[in-house]
Structure formats: C-alpha cells, structure tokens
C-alpha cells in the first residue's frame, strides 16, 4: 500500500496527538496512585505513550519537509540500473 506524503503527514499528526494525549493524561493522573509498584508501572506506560507521540511528531515533520521540497526530486537524475551491480 502506498501513501502520499500528505496522507502520511496527516496520519502521523493524528497518531502523535492521540499518543501524546494518552501520555500526558497518564502523567497527570499519577497523583492518585498509592502503591509504589503500580505508580512505577503507570509512569513507564505514560512515558512510553509520550515517546510514541514524539516519534509521530518526527514522522509528521519529516514527511511534511519531504513534501515541501519537490525541487529535490525534480533535479535528481535517474538511477542507471547498470551502475548498481
């Protein structure tokens, strides 16, 4: 399945918002946890979702940057398959 860069940007942005929302919500709800082991697990879970959100932001930024630089692909010369072997 091929996705356009624009679709990738939008999908990654939506993914980033959802993951960052889950991560921030998890980090903000740590105050109500009494058990130390459960708090450590919840903190790790929240930071994992925050990490995934950051990856989503990076993918969205990268695909947006690639979509805005069409002159790079327009000026690229075609690859000669005989040079690859």
N, C-alpha and C. Protein backbone atom coordinates (compact mmCIF):
# COMPACT_ATOMS: atom_id res chain seq x y z
N UNK A 1 0.85 -1.17 0.00
CA UNK A 1 0.00 0.00 0.00
C UNK A 1 0.89 1.23 0.00
N UNK A 2 0.61 2.13 -0.91
CA UNK A 2 1.39 3.36 -0.99
C UNK A 2 0.56 4.51 -0.45
N UNK A 3 1.18 5.32 0.39
CA UNK A 3 0.54 6.52 0.91
C UNK A 3 1.26 7.74 0.37
N UNK A 4 0.53 8.77 0.08
CA UNK A 4 1.16 10.01 -0.34
C UNK A 4 1.81 10.67 0.87
N UNK A 5 2.71 11.59 0.62
CA UNK A 5 3.36 12.28 1.73
C UNK A 5 2.36 13.11 2.53
N UNK A 6 1.37 13.65 1.85
CA UNK A 6 0.36 14.43 2.54
C UNK A 6 -0.46 13.54 3.49
N UNK A 7 -0.85 12.37 3.03
CA UNK A 7 -1.60 11.43 3.87
C UNK A 7 -0.74 10.96 5.04
N UNK A 8 0.55 10.75 4.79
CA UNK A 8 1.46 10.34 5.86
C UNK A 8 1.58 11.43 6.91
N UNK A 9 1.66 12.68 6.47
CA UNK A 9 1.75 13.80 7.41
C UNK A 9 0.51 13.87 8.28
N UNK A 10 -0.65 13.77 7.68
CA UNK A 10 -1.90 13.85 8.44
C UNK A 10 -2.05 12.66 9.38
N UNK A 11 -1.75 11.47 8.89
CA UNK A 11 -1.84 10.28 9.74
C UNK A 11 -0.88 10.32 10.91
N UNK A 12 0.34 10.78 10.65
CA UNK A 12 1.33 10.86 11.73
C UNK A 12 0.95 11.93 12.74
N UNK A 13 0.36 13.03 12.27
CA UNK A 13 -0.07 14.08 13.19
C UNK A 13 -1.21 13.59 14.08
N UNK A 14 -2.16 12.87 13.51
CA UNK A 14 -3.26 12.32 14.31
C UNK A 14 -2.72 11.31 15.31
N UNK A 15 -1.82 10.44 14.86
CA UNK A 15 -1.20 9.46 15.75
C UNK A 15 -0.46 10.17 16.89
N UNK A 16 0.27 11.23 16.56
CA UNK A 16 1.03 11.96 17.58
C UNK A 16 0.10 12.59 18.61
N UNK A 17 -0.99 13.19 18.16
CA UNK A 17 -1.92 13.82 19.09
C UNK A 17 -2.54 12.79 20.03
N UNK A 18 -2.94 11.65 19.48
CA UNK A 18 -3.55 10.61 20.31
C UNK A 18 -2.55 10.06 21.33
N UNK A 19 -1.33 9.78 20.87
CA UNK A 19 -0.32 9.22 21.78
C UNK A 19 0.11 10.22 22.84
N UNK A 20 0.32 11.48 22.42
CA UNK A 20 0.70 12.49 23.41
C UNK A 20 -0.43 12.75 24.39
N UNK A 21 -1.67 12.68 23.92
CA UNK A 21 -2.80 12.82 24.83
C UNK A 21 -2.85 11.72 25.87
N UNK A 22 -2.61 10.48 25.43
CA UNK A 22 -2.59 9.36 26.38
C UNK A 22 -1.42 9.49 27.35
N UNK A 23 -0.27 9.89 26.84
CA UNK A 23 0.90 10.03 27.70
C UNK A 23 0.75 11.13 28.72
N UNK A 24 0.28 12.29 28.29
CA UNK A 24 0.11 13.42 29.21
C UNK A 24 -0.99 13.13 30.22
N UNK A 25 -2.06 12.50 29.75
CA UNK A 25 -3.13 12.13 30.67
C UNK A 25 -2.62 11.15 31.73
N UNK A 26 -1.80 10.21 31.30
CA UNK A 26 -1.23 9.26 32.25
C UNK A 26 -0.29 9.91 33.24
N UNK A 27 0.51 10.85 32.77
CA UNK A 27 1.43 11.54 33.67
C UNK A 27 0.69 12.43 34.67
N UNK A 28 -0.40 13.03 34.22
CA UNK A 28 -1.16 13.90 35.12
C UNK A 28 -1.99 13.13 36.14
N UNK A 29 -2.26 11.87 35.87
CA UNK A 29 -3.08 11.08 36.79
C UNK A 29 -2.25 10.25 37.76
N UNK A 30 -0.97 10.48 37.84
CA UNK A 30 -0.12 9.70 38.74
C UNK A 30 -0.33 10.06 40.21
N UNK A 31 -0.91 11.22 40.49
CA UNK A 31 -1.07 11.66 41.88
C UNK A 31 -1.99 10.75 42.69
N UNK A 32 -2.96 10.14 42.05
CA UNK A 32 -3.93 9.33 42.78
C UNK A 32 -3.48 7.91 43.08
N UNK A 33 -2.28 7.53 42.67
CA UNK A 33 -1.82 6.16 42.86
C UNK A 33 -1.01 6.07 44.15
N UNK A 34 -1.40 5.14 45.01
CA UNK A 34 -0.73 4.98 46.31
C UNK A 34 0.40 3.95 46.26
N UNK A 35 0.18 2.85 45.56
CA UNK A 35 1.14 1.75 45.52
C UNK A 35 2.36 2.14 44.68
N UNK A 36 3.56 1.95 45.23
CA UNK A 36 4.78 2.36 44.53
C UNK A 36 5.03 1.55 43.26
N UNK A 37 4.75 0.26 43.31
CA UNK A 37 4.96 -0.57 42.12
C UNK A 37 3.98 -0.20 41.02
N UNK A 38 2.75 0.06 41.39
CA UNK A 38 1.75 0.45 40.40
C UNK A 38 2.08 1.82 39.83
N UNK A 39 2.61 2.72 40.66
CA UNK A 39 2.99 4.04 40.17
C UNK A 39 4.15 3.94 39.18
N UNK A 40 5.10 3.07 39.45
CA UNK A 40 6.23 2.89 38.53
C UNK A 40 5.75 2.33 37.20
N UNK A 41 4.83 1.37 37.26
CA UNK A 41 4.27 0.81 36.03
C UNK A 41 3.49 1.87 35.24
N UNK A 42 2.70 2.66 35.93
CA UNK A 42 1.90 3.70 35.28
C UNK A 42 2.81 4.77 34.68
N UNK A 43 3.87 5.12 35.38
CA UNK A 43 4.81 6.12 34.87
C UNK A 43 5.50 5.60 33.60
N UNK A 44 5.90 4.33 33.62
CA UNK A 44 6.52 3.75 32.43
C UNK A 44 5.55 3.69 31.25
N UNK A 45 4.30 3.36 31.53
CA UNK A 45 3.27 3.33 30.50
C UNK A 45 3.06 4.72 29.90
N UNK A 46 2.99 5.73 30.76
CA UNK A 46 2.77 7.10 30.29
C UNK A 46 3.96 7.59 29.47
N UNK A 47 5.17 7.31 29.93
CA UNK A 47 6.35 7.74 29.17
C UNK A 47 6.46 6.99 27.85
N UNK A 48 6.02 5.75 27.78
CA UNK A 48 6.03 5.01 26.52
C UNK A 48 5.11 5.68 25.50
N UNK A 49 3.90 6.06 25.93
CA UNK A 49 2.97 6.73 25.01
C UNK A 49 3.49 8.11 24.62
N UNK A 50 4.17 8.78 25.53
CA UNK A 50 4.77 10.06 25.20
C UNK A 50 5.88 9.87 24.16
N UNK A 51 6.68 8.84 24.33
CA UNK A 51 7.72 8.52 23.35
C UNK A 51 7.11 8.24 21.98
N UNK A 52 6.04 7.45 21.93
CA UNK A 52 5.38 7.18 20.66
C UNK A 52 4.84 8.46 20.03
N UNK A 53 4.33 9.38 20.85
CA UNK A 53 3.86 10.66 20.34
C UNK A 53 4.97 11.48 19.74
N UNK A 54 6.15 11.46 20.36
CA UNK A 54 7.30 12.19 19.83
C UNK A 54 7.73 11.58 18.49
N UNK A 55 7.71 10.26 18.40
CA UNK A 55 8.02 9.61 17.12
C UNK A 55 7.01 10.04 16.05
N UNK A 56 5.74 10.11 16.41
CA UNK A 56 4.72 10.57 15.48
C UNK A 56 4.95 11.99 15.01
N UNK A 57 5.36 12.87 15.93
CA UNK A 57 5.68 14.26 15.56
C UNK A 57 6.85 14.28 14.59
N UNK A 58 7.88 13.49 14.87
CA UNK A 58 9.05 13.47 13.99
C UNK A 58 8.70 12.95 12.59
N UNK A 59 7.87 11.91 12.52
CA UNK A 59 7.45 11.39 11.21
C UNK A 59 6.62 12.43 10.47
N UNK A 60 5.73 13.13 11.17
CA UNK A 60 4.92 14.16 10.53
C UNK A 60 5.80 15.30 10.02
N UNK A 61 6.78 15.72 10.81
CA UNK A 61 7.68 16.79 10.37
C UNK A 61 8.52 16.36 9.18
N UNK A 62 9.03 15.14 9.22
CA UNK A 62 9.85 14.64 8.12
C UNK A 62 9.04 14.53 6.83
N UNK A 63 7.84 13.98 6.91
CA UNK A 63 7.04 13.85 5.70
C UNK A 63 6.58 15.21 5.18
N UNK A 64 6.32 16.14 6.07
CA UNK A 64 5.97 17.49 5.65
C UNK A 64 7.15 18.16 4.95
N UNK A 65 8.34 17.98 5.49
CA UNK A 65 9.55 18.55 4.89
C UNK A 65 9.80 17.95 3.51
N UNK A 66 9.62 16.64 3.40
CA UNK A 66 9.82 15.99 2.11
C UNK A 66 8.77 16.43 1.08
N UNK A 67 7.56 16.66 1.54
CA UNK A 67 6.50 17.08 0.62
C UNK A 67 6.72 18.50 0.12
N UNK A 68 7.38 19.34 0.91
CA UNK A 68 7.59 20.73 0.52
C UNK A 68 8.82 20.95 -0.34
N UNK A 69 9.62 19.93 -0.58
CA UNK A 69 10.83 20.11 -1.37
C UNK A 69 10.75 19.32 -2.67
N UNK A 70 9.84 19.70 -3.58
CA UNK A 70 9.73 18.96 -4.83
C UNK A 70 10.91 19.21 -5.77
N UNK A 71 11.60 20.31 -5.59
CA UNK A 71 12.74 20.58 -6.46
C UNK A 71 13.87 19.58 -6.25
N UNK A 72 13.93 18.99 -5.09
CA UNK A 72 14.96 17.97 -4.85
C UNK A 72 14.73 16.76 -5.74
N UNK A 73 13.47 16.33 -5.84
CA UNK A 73 13.19 15.17 -6.68
C UNK A 73 13.15 15.55 -8.15
N UNK A 74 12.82 16.80 -8.47
CA UNK A 74 12.78 17.23 -9.86
C UNK A 74 14.19 17.34 -10.45
N UNK A 75 15.16 17.70 -9.63
CA UNK A 75 16.53 17.87 -10.10
C UNK A 75 17.35 16.59 -10.00
N UNK A 76 16.78 15.57 -9.40
CA UNK A 76 17.52 14.32 -9.24
C UNK A 76 17.63 13.61 -10.58
N UNK A 77 18.80 13.09 -10.83
CA UNK A 77 18.96 12.37 -12.09
C UNK A 77 18.53 10.91 -11.89
N UNK A 78 18.02 10.29 -12.93
CA UNK A 78 17.56 8.91 -12.80
C UNK A 78 18.72 7.96 -12.52
N UNK A 79 18.44 6.92 -11.80
CA UNK A 79 19.46 5.93 -11.46
C UNK A 79 19.59 4.94 -12.61
N UNK A 80 20.82 4.73 -13.03
CA UNK A 80 21.08 3.74 -14.07
C UNK A 80 21.28 2.40 -13.38
N UNK A 81 20.45 1.43 -13.73
CA UNK A 81 20.48 0.13 -13.06
C UNK A 81 21.80 -0.61 -13.30
N UNK A 82 22.49 -0.31 -14.39
CA UNK A 82 23.77 -0.98 -14.63
C UNK A 82 24.85 -0.52 -13.66
N UNK A 83 24.67 0.67 -13.06
CA UNK A 83 25.65 1.17 -12.08
C UNK A 83 25.46 0.50 -10.72
N UNK A 84 24.30 -0.08 -10.47
CA UNK A 84 24.02 -0.68 -9.17
C UNK A 84 24.71 -2.03 -8.97
N UNK A 85 25.05 -2.69 -10.06
CA UNK A 85 25.65 -4.03 -9.91
C UNK A 85 27.15 -3.98 -9.99
